Amino acid sequence: MMIAGIVAVCIVLAVLAFFVPRLSRHPERGTQRTLGAGSRVGGKAPGVLGRLFSKPFRSSSKAVGNSGSAGRRARGRMPF
């Protein structure tokens, strides 16, 4: 369920970044802030569990950043 949600958010951010690059930064940062909070809370678990609980949030945050930058990069490559 969480994977489908992250994929949907990445697609929406990529499309938003392609059509309105400046306005896409605020939702991207908000999503990364939320995922960062989840990563911090998951990291408070002791030992190996902390790393295991925080990893999905870290990789999701990285994916959100990459999809936003890919949309802006594709917009920059358009000939018009």
PDB file of N, CA and C in Angstrom:
ATOM      1  N   MET A   1       0.824  -1.188   0.000  1.00  0.00           N
ATOM      2  CA  MET A   1       0.000   0.000   0.000  1.00  0.00           C
ATOM      3  C   MET A   1       0.875   1.261   0.000  1.00  0.00           C
ATOM      4  N   MET A   2       1.893   1.232   0.830  1.00  0.00           N
ATOM      5  CA  MET A   2       2.766   2.401   0.895  1.00  0.00           C
ATOM      6  C   MET A   2       3.540   2.579  -0.408  1.00  0.00           C
ATOM      7  N   ILE A   3       3.919   1.472  -1.021  1.00  0.00           N
ATOM      8  CA  ILE A   3       4.665   1.551  -2.279  1.00  0.00           C
ATOM      9  C   ILE A   3       3.809   2.199  -3.360  1.00  0.00           C
ATOM     10  N   ALA A   4       2.538   1.807  -3.422  1.00  0.00           N
ATOM     11  CA  ALA A   4       1.640   2.392  -4.421  1.00  0.00           C
ATOM     12  C   ALA A   4       1.448   3.888  -4.175  1.00  0.00           C
ATOM     13  N   GLY A   5       1.376   4.282  -2.919  1.00  0.00           N
ATOM     14  CA  GLY A   5       1.241   5.698  -2.587  1.00  0.00           C
ATOM     15  C   GLY A   5       2.460   6.504  -2.999  1.00  0.00           C
ATOM     16  N   ILE A   6       3.637   5.967  -2.755  1.00  0.00           N
ATOM     17  CA  ILE A   6       4.868   6.666  -3.122  1.00  0.00           C
ATOM     18  C   ILE A   6       4.988   6.763  -4.635  1.00  0.00           C
ATOM     19  N   VAL A   7       4.625   5.696  -5.340  1.00  0.00           N
ATOM     20  CA  VAL A   7       4.674   5.726  -6.810  1.00  0.00           C
ATOM     21  C   VAL A   7       3.716   6.793  -7.335  1.00  0.00           C
ATOM     22  N   ALA A   8       2.518   6.864  -6.762  1.00  0.00           N
ATOM     23  CA  ALA A   8       1.544   7.870  -7.198  1.00  0.00           C
ATOM     24  C   ALA A   8       2.059   9.283  -6.937  1.00  0.00           C
ATOM     25  N   VAL A   9       2.657   9.498  -5.773  1.00  0.00           N
ATOM     26  CA  VAL A   9       3.202  10.819  -5.448  1.00  0.00           C
ATOM     27  C   VAL A   9       4.332  11.182  -6.405  1.00  0.00           C
ATOM     28  N   CYS A  10       5.182  10.225  -6.733  1.00  0.00           N
ATOM     29  CA  CYS A  10       6.285  10.492  -7.659  1.00  0.00           C
ATOM     30  C   CYS A  10       5.770  10.859  -9.049  1.00  0.00           C
ATOM     31  N   ILE A  11       4.739  10.161  -9.498  1.00  0.00           N
ATOM     32  CA  ILE A  11       4.179  10.465 -10.820  1.00  0.00           C
ATOM     33  C   ILE A  11       3.552  11.849 -10.836  1.00  0.00           C
ATOM     34  N   VAL A  12       2.795  12.158  -9.793  1.00  0.00           N
ATOM     35  CA  VAL A  12       2.159  13.480  -9.719  1.00  0.00           C
ATOM     36  C   VAL A  12       3.214  14.580  -9.669  1.00  0.00           C
ATOM     37  N   LEU A  13       4.273  14.381  -8.883  1.00  0.00           N
ATOM     38  CA  LEU A  13       5.325  15.398  -8.793  1.00  0.00           C
ATOM     39  C   LEU A  13       6.081  15.556 -10.110  1.00  0.00           C
ATOM     40  N   ALA A  14       6.315  14.459 -10.816  1.00  0.00           N
ATOM     41  CA  ALA A  14       7.019  14.557 -12.098  1.00  0.00           C
ATOM     42  C   ALA A  14       6.185  15.333 -13.116  1.00  0.00           C
ATOM     43  N   VAL A  15       4.882  15.059 -13.155  1.00  0.00           N
ATOM     44  CA  VAL A  15       4.007  15.775 -14.084  1.00  0.00           C
ATOM     45  C   VAL A  15       3.913  17.244 -13.691  1.00  0.00           C
ATOM     46  N   LEU A  16       3.775  17.500 -12.397  1.00  0.00           N
ATOM     47  CA  LEU A  16       3.701  18.875 -11.915  1.00  0.00           C
ATOM     48  C   LEU A  16       4.996  19.624 -12.215  1.00  0.00           C
ATOM     49  N   ALA A  17       6.136  18.963 -12.022  1.00  0.00           N
ATOM     50  CA  ALA A  17       7.422  19.597 -12.297  1.00  0.00           C
ATOM     51  C   ALA A  17       7.607  19.860 -13.778  1.00  0.00           C
ATOM     52  N   PHE A  18       7.009  19.031 -14.628  1.00  0.00           N
ATOM     53  CA  PHE A  18       7.130  19.254 -16.061  1.00  0.00           C
ATOM     54  C   PHE A  18       6.313  20.458 -16.505  1.00  0.00           C
ATOM     55  N   PHE A  19       5.088  20.578 -15.988  1.00  0.00           N
ATOM     56  CA  PHE A  19       4.208  21.653 -16.454  1.00  0.00           C
ATOM     57  C   PHE A  19       4.426  22.977 -15.722  1.00  0.00           C
ATOM     58  N   VAL A  20       4.672  22.961 -14.436  1.00  0.00           N
ATOM     59  CA  VAL A  20       4.914  24.186 -13.671  1.00  0.00           C
ATOM     60  C   VAL A  20       6.126  23.967 -12.748  1.00  0.00           C
ATOM     61  N   PRO A  21       7.335  24.123 -13.283  1.00  0.00           N
ATOM     62  CA  PRO A  21       8.537  23.783 -12.513  1.00  0.00           C
ATOM     63  C   PRO A  21       8.697  24.563 -11.210  1.00  0.00           C
ATOM     64  N   ARG A  22       8.373  25.826 -11.220  1.00  0.00           N
ATOM     65  CA  ARG A  22       8.566  26.609  -9.995  1.00  0.00           C
ATOM     66  C   ARG A  22       7.588  26.223  -8.899  1.00  0.00           C
ATOM     67  N   LEU A  23       6.368  25.937  -9.298  1.00  0.00           N
ATOM     68  CA  LEU A  23       5.344  25.591  -8.309  1.00  0.00           C
ATOM     69  C   LEU A  23       5.490  24.161  -7.794  1.00  0.00           C
ATOM     70  N   SER A  24       6.328  23.363  -8.414  1.00  0.00           N
ATOM     71  CA  SER A  24       6.466  21.972  -7.986  1.00  0.00           C
ATOM     72  C   SER A  24       7.407  21.822  -6.792  1.00  0.00           C
ATOM     73  N   ARG A  25       8.198  22.821  -6.517  1.00  0.00           N
ATOM     74  CA  ARG A  25       9.178  22.680  -5.435  1.00  0.00           C
ATOM     75  C   ARG A  25       8.528  22.625  -4.051  1.00  0.00           C
ATOM     76  N   HIS A  26       7.465  23.368  -3.850  1.00  0.00           N
ATOM     77  CA  HIS A  26       6.828  23.382  -2.530  1.00  0.00           C
ATOM     78  C   HIS A  26       6.208  22.020  -2.177  1.00  0.00           C
ATOM     79  N   PRO A  27       5.425  21.401  -3.075  1.00  0.00           N
ATOM     80  CA  PRO A  27       4.910  20.064  -2.743  1.00  0.00           C
ATOM     81  C   PRO A  27       6.022  19.022  -2.596  1.00  0.00           C
ATOM     82  N   GLU A  28       7.088  19.170  -3.380  1.00  0.00           N
ATOM     83  CA  GLU A  28       8.204  18.228  -3.268  1.00  0.00           C
ATOM     84  C   GLU A  28       8.866  18.335  -1.899  1.00  0.00           C
ATOM     85  N   ARG A  29       9.111  19.546  -1.462  1.00  0.00           N
ATOM     86  CA  ARG A  29       9.740  19.731  -0.147  1.00  0.00           C
ATOM     87  C   ARG A  29       8.821  19.282   0.981  1.00  0.00           C
ATOM     88  N   GLY A  30       7.509  19.526   0.829  1.00  0.00           N
ATOM     89  CA  GLY A  30       6.566  19.069   1.850  1.00  0.00           C
ATOM     90  C   GLY A  30       6.544  17.558   1.963  1.00  0.00           C
ATOM     91  N   THR A  31       6.583  16.885   0.820  1.00  0.00           N
ATOM     92  CA  THR A  31       6.608  15.427   0.826  1.00  0.00           C
ATOM     93  C   THR A  31       7.901  14.916   1.434  1.00  0.00           C
ATOM     94  N   GLN A  32       9.012  15.532   1.076  1.00  0.00           N
ATOM     95  CA  GLN A  32      10.290  15.114   1.646  1.00  0.00           C
ATOM     96  C   GLN A  32      10.352  15.388   3.146  1.00  0.00           C
ATOM     97  N   ARG A  33       9.740  16.470   3.590  1.00  0.00           N
ATOM     98  CA  ARG A  33       9.709  16.768   5.020  1.00  0.00           C
ATOM     99  C   ARG A  33       8.911  15.714   5.774  1.00  0.00           C
ATOM    100  N   THR A  34       7.784  15.304   5.204  1.00  0.00           N
ATOM    101  CA  THR A  34       6.959  14.278   5.838  1.00  0.00           C
ATOM    102  C   THR A  34       7.686  12.940   5.894  1.00  0.00           C
ATOM    103  N   LEU A  35       8.319  12.569   4.782  1.00  0.00           N
ATOM    104  CA  LEU A  35       9.066  11.313   4.771  1.00  0.00           C
ATOM    105  C   LEU A  35      10.279  11.372   5.689  1.00  0.00           C
ATOM    106  N   GLY A  36      10.889  12.539   5.810  1.00  0.00           N
ATOM    107  CA  GLY A  36      12.009  12.695   6.738  1.00  0.00           C
ATOM    108  C   GLY A  36      11.587  12.520   8.177  1.00  0.00           C
ATOM    109  N   ALA A  37      10.380  13.001   8.510  1.00  0.00           N
ATOM    110  CA  ALA A  37       9.872  12.809   9.866  1.00  0.00           C
ATOM    111  C   ALA A  37       9.647  11.332  10.141  1.00  0.00           C
ATOM    112  N   GLY A  38       9.113  10.605   9.163  1.00  0.00           N
ATOM    113  CA  GLY A  38       8.933   9.165   9.330  1.00  0.00           C
ATOM    114  C   GLY A  38      10.252   8.446   9.499  1.00  0.00           C
ATOM    115  N   SER A  39      11.255   8.892   8.756  1.00  0.00           N
ATOM    116  CA  SER A  39      12.577   8.282   8.866  1.00  0.00           C
ATOM    117  C   SER A  39      13.189   8.536  10.241  1.00  0.00           C
ATOM    118  N   ARG A  40      13.009   9.744  10.753  1.00  0.00           N
ATOM    119  CA  ARG A  40      13.548  10.051  12.080  1.00  0.00           C
ATOM    120  C   ARG A  40      12.853   9.240  13.162  1.00  0.00           C
ATOM    121  N   VAL A  41      11.541   9.096  13.058  1.00  0.00           N
ATOM    122  CA  VAL A  41      10.806   8.323  14.062  1.00  0.00           C
ATOM    123  C   VAL A  41      11.194   6.851  13.971  1.00  0.00           C
ATOM    124  N   GLY A  42      11.308   6.329  12.748  1.00  0.00           N
ATOM    125  CA  GLY A  42      11.706   4.936  12.588  1.00  0.00           C
ATOM    126  C   GLY A  42      13.122   4.687  13.062  1.00  0.00           C
ATOM    127  N   GLY A  43      13.988   5.668  12.928  1.00  0.00           N
ATOM    128  CA  GLY A  43      15.373   5.526  13.355  1.00  0.00           C
ATOM    129  C   GLY A  43      15.557   5.503  14.854  1.00  0.00           C
ATOM    130  N   LYS A  44      14.527   5.849  15.598  1.00  0.00           N
ATOM    131  CA  LYS A  44      14.640   5.845  17.054  1.00  0.00           C
ATOM    132  C   LYS A  44      14.501   4.451  17.649  1.00  0.00           C
ATOM    133  N   ALA A  45      14.118   3.496  16.834  1.00  0.00           N
ATOM    134  CA  ALA A  45      14.050   2.115  17.313  1.00  0.00           C
ATOM    135  C   ALA A  45      15.482   1.639  17.596  1.00  0.00           C
ATOM    136  N   PRO A  46      15.641   0.749  18.550  1.00  0.00           N
ATOM    137  CA  PRO A  46      16.994   0.345  18.934  1.00  0.00           C
ATOM    138  C   PRO A  46      17.682  -0.547  17.902  1.00  0.00           C
ATOM    139  N   GLY A  47      18.963  -0.284  17.707  1.00  0.00           N
ATOM    140  CA  GLY A  47      19.836  -1.143  16.925  1.00  0.00           C
ATOM    141  C   GLY A  47      19.478  -1.278  15.463  1.00  0.00           C
ATOM    142  N   VAL A  48      19.503  -2.513  15.013  1.00  0.00           N
ATOM    143  CA  VAL A  48      19.268  -2.818  13.608  1.00  0.00           C
ATOM    144  C   VAL A  48      17.838  -2.467  13.206  1.00  0.00           C
ATOM    145  N   LEU A  49      16.910  -2.576  14.129  1.00  0.00           N
ATOM    146  CA  LEU A  49      15.515  -2.242  13.828  1.00  0.00           C
ATOM    147  C   LEU A  49      15.371  -0.783  13.402  1.00  0.00           C
ATOM    148  N   GLY A  50      16.142   0.095  13.997  1.00  0.00           N
ATOM    149  CA  GLY A  50      16.089   1.511  13.632  1.00  0.00           C
ATOM    150  C   GLY A  50      16.463   1.732  12.179  1.00  0.00           C
ATOM    151  N   ARG A  51      17.506   1.044  11.737  1.00  0.00           N
ATOM    152  CA  ARG A  51      17.909   1.173  10.337  1.00  0.00           C
ATOM    153  C   ARG A  51      16.868   0.553   9.408  1.00  0.00           C
ATOM    154  N   LEU A  52      16.306  -0.572   9.823  1.00  0.00           N
ATOM    155  CA  LEU A  52      15.299  -1.229   8.990  1.00  0.00           C
ATOM    156  C   LEU A  52      14.019  -0.413   8.883  1.00  0.00           C
ATOM    157  N   PHE A  53      13.612   0.223   9.976  1.00  0.00           N
ATOM    158  CA  PHE A  53      12.374   1.001   9.960  1.00  0.00           C
ATOM    159  C   PHE A  53      12.534   2.326   9.227  1.00  0.00           C
ATOM    160  N   SER A  54      13.732   2.901   9.216  1.00  0.00           N
ATOM    161  CA  SER A  54      13.905   4.205   8.586  1.00  0.00           C
ATOM    162  C   SER A  54      14.269   4.106   7.106  1.00  0.00           C
ATOM    163  N   LYS A  55      14.735   2.938   6.656  1.00  0.00           N
ATOM    164  CA  LYS A  55      15.182   2.804   5.272  1.00  0.00           C
ATOM    165  C   LYS A  55      14.079   3.061   4.243  1.00  0.00           C
ATOM    166  N   PRO A  56      12.862   2.542   4.398  1.00  0.00           N
ATOM    167  CA  PRO A  56      11.838   2.820   3.378  1.00  0.00           C
ATOM    168  C   PRO A  56      11.545   4.308   3.227  1.00  0.00           C
ATOM    169  N   PHE A  57      11.601   5.041   4.322  1.00  0.00           N
ATOM    170  CA  PHE A  57      11.338   6.474   4.259  1.00  0.00           C
ATOM    171  C   PHE A  57      12.478   7.214   3.570  1.00  0.00           C
ATOM    172  N   ARG A  58      13.710   6.795   3.819  1.00  0.00           N
ATOM    173  CA  ARG A  58      14.854   7.432   3.162  1.00  0.00           C
ATOM    174  C   ARG A  58      14.832   7.188   1.664  1.00  0.00           C
ATOM    175  N   SER A  59      14.582   5.948   1.252  1.00  0.00           N
ATOM    176  CA  SER A  59      14.578   5.647  -0.178  1.00  0.00           C
ATOM    177  C   SER A  59      13.386   6.304  -0.870  1.00  0.00           C
ATOM    178  N   SER A  60      12.267   6.423  -0.177  1.00  0.00           N
ATOM    179  CA  SER A  60      11.106   7.104  -0.759  1.00  0.00           C
ATOM    180  C   SER A  60      11.378   8.587  -0.929  1.00  0.00           C
ATOM    181  N   SER A  61      12.052   9.189   0.032  1.00  0.00           N
ATOM    182  CA  SER A  61      12.395  10.600  -0.073  1.00  0.00           C
ATOM    183  C   SER A  61      13.339  10.837  -1.243  1.00  0.00           C
ATOM    184  N   LYS A  62      14.276   9.919  -1.429  1.00  0.00           N
ATOM    185  CA  LYS A  62      15.197  10.022  -2.553  1.00  0.00           C
ATOM    186  C   LYS A  62      14.450   9.899  -3.885  1.00  0.00           C
ATOM    187  N   ALA A  63      13.478   8.998  -3.947  1.00  0.00           N
ATOM    188  CA  ALA A  63      12.695   8.802  -5.163  1.00  0.00           C
ATOM    189  C   ALA A  63      11.854  10.035  -5.487  1.00  0.00           C
ATOM    190  N   VAL A  64      11.297  10.666  -4.465  1.00  0.00           N
ATOM    191  CA  VAL A  64      10.504  11.886  -4.673  1.00  0.00           C
ATOM    192  C   VAL A  64      11.385  12.997  -5.233  1.00  0.00           C
ATOM    193  N   GLY A  65      12.571  13.152  -4.681  1.00  0.00           N
ATOM    194  CA  GLY A  65      13.492  14.167  -5.187  1.00  0.00           C
ATOM    195  C   GLY A  65      13.918  13.898  -6.616  1.00  0.00           C
ATOM    196  N   ASN A  66      14.178  12.625  -6.929  1.00  0.00           N
ATOM    197  CA  ASN A  66      14.593  12.288  -8.285  1.00  0.00           C
ATOM    198  C   ASN A  66      13.477  12.502  -9.296  1.00  0.00           C
ATOM    199  N   SER A  67      12.237  12.204  -8.917  1.00  0.00           N
ATOM    200  CA  SER A  67      11.144  12.374  -9.875  1.00  0.00           C
ATOM    201  C   SER A  67      10.874  13.851 -10.137  1.00  0.00           C
ATOM    202  N   GLY A  68      10.962  14.681  -9.119  1.00  0.00           N
ATOM    203  CA  GLY A  68      10.781  16.116  -9.326  1.00  0.00           C
ATOM    204  C   GLY A  68      11.863  16.708 -10.199  1.00  0.00           C
ATOM    205  N   SER A  69      13.098  16.321  -9.939  1.00  0.00           N
ATOM    206  CA  SER A  69      14.193  16.860 -10.746  1.00  0.00           C
ATOM    207  C   SER A  69      14.139  16.324 -12.173  1.00  0.00           C
ATOM    208  N   ALA A  70      13.666  15.095 -12.359  1.00  0.00           N
ATOM    209  CA  ALA A  70      13.541  14.546 -13.710  1.00  0.00           C
ATOM    210  C   ALA A  70      12.488  15.308 -14.513  1.00  0.00           C
ATOM    211  N   GLY A  71      11.390  15.688 -13.880  1.00  0.00           N
ATOM    212  CA  GLY A  71      10.368  16.462 -14.567  1.00  0.00           C
ATOM    213  C   GLY A  71      10.874  17.834 -14.970  1.00  0.00           C
ATOM    214  N   ARG A  72      11.607  18.484 -14.071  1.00  0.00           N
ATOM    215  CA  ARG A  72      12.164  19.799 -14.404  1.00  0.00           C
ATOM    216  C   ARG A  72      13.243  19.692 -15.476  1.00  0.00           C
ATOM    217  N   ARG A  73      14.035  18.630 -15.422  1.00  0.00           N
ATOM    218  CA  ARG A  73      15.085  18.414 -16.420  1.00  0.00           C
ATOM    219  C   ARG A  73      14.467  18.151 -17.799  1.00  0.00           C
ATOM    220  N   ALA A  74      13.398  17.375 -17.843  1.00  0.00           N
ATOM    221  CA  ALA A  74      12.729  17.110 -19.121  1.00  0.00           C
ATOM    222  C   ALA A  74      12.123  18.385 -19.678  1.00  0.00           C
ATOM    223  N   ARG A  75      11.590  19.222 -18.819  1.00  0.00           N
ATOM    224  CA  ARG A  75      11.033  20.495 -19.276  1.00  0.00           C
ATOM    225  C   ARG A  75      12.119  21.373 -19.868  1.00  0.00           C
ATOM    226  N   GLY A  76      13.280  21.375 -19.262  1.00  0.00           N
ATOM    227  CA  GLY A  76      14.397  22.174 -19.756  1.00  0.00           C
ATOM    228  C   GLY A  76      14.927  21.711 -21.096  1.00  0.00           C
ATOM    229  N   ARG A  77      14.725  20.442 -21.427  1.00  0.00           N
ATOM    230  CA  ARG A  77      15.201  19.914 -22.700  1.00  0.00           C
ATOM    231  C   ARG A  77      14.230  20.101 -23.844  1.00  0.00           C
ATOM    232  N   MET A  78      13.040  20.585 -23.557  1.00  0.00           N
ATOM    233  CA  MET A  78      12.048  20.772 -24.616  1.00  0.00           C
ATOM    234  C   MET A  78      12.511  21.905 -25.544  1.00  0.00           C
ATOM    235  N   PRO A  79      12.222  21.800 -26.837  1.00  0.00           N
ATOM    236  CA  PRO A  79      12.736  22.793 -27.785  1.00  0.00           C
ATOM    237  C   PRO A  79      12.006  24.127 -27.739  1.00  0.00           C
ATOM    238  N   PHE A  80      10.874  24.211 -27.076  1.00  0.00           N
ATOM    239  CA  PHE A  80      10.122  25.477 -27.053  1.00  0.00           C
ATOM    240  C   PHE A  80      10.213  26.157 -25.734  1.00  0.00           C
TER     241      PHE A  80
END
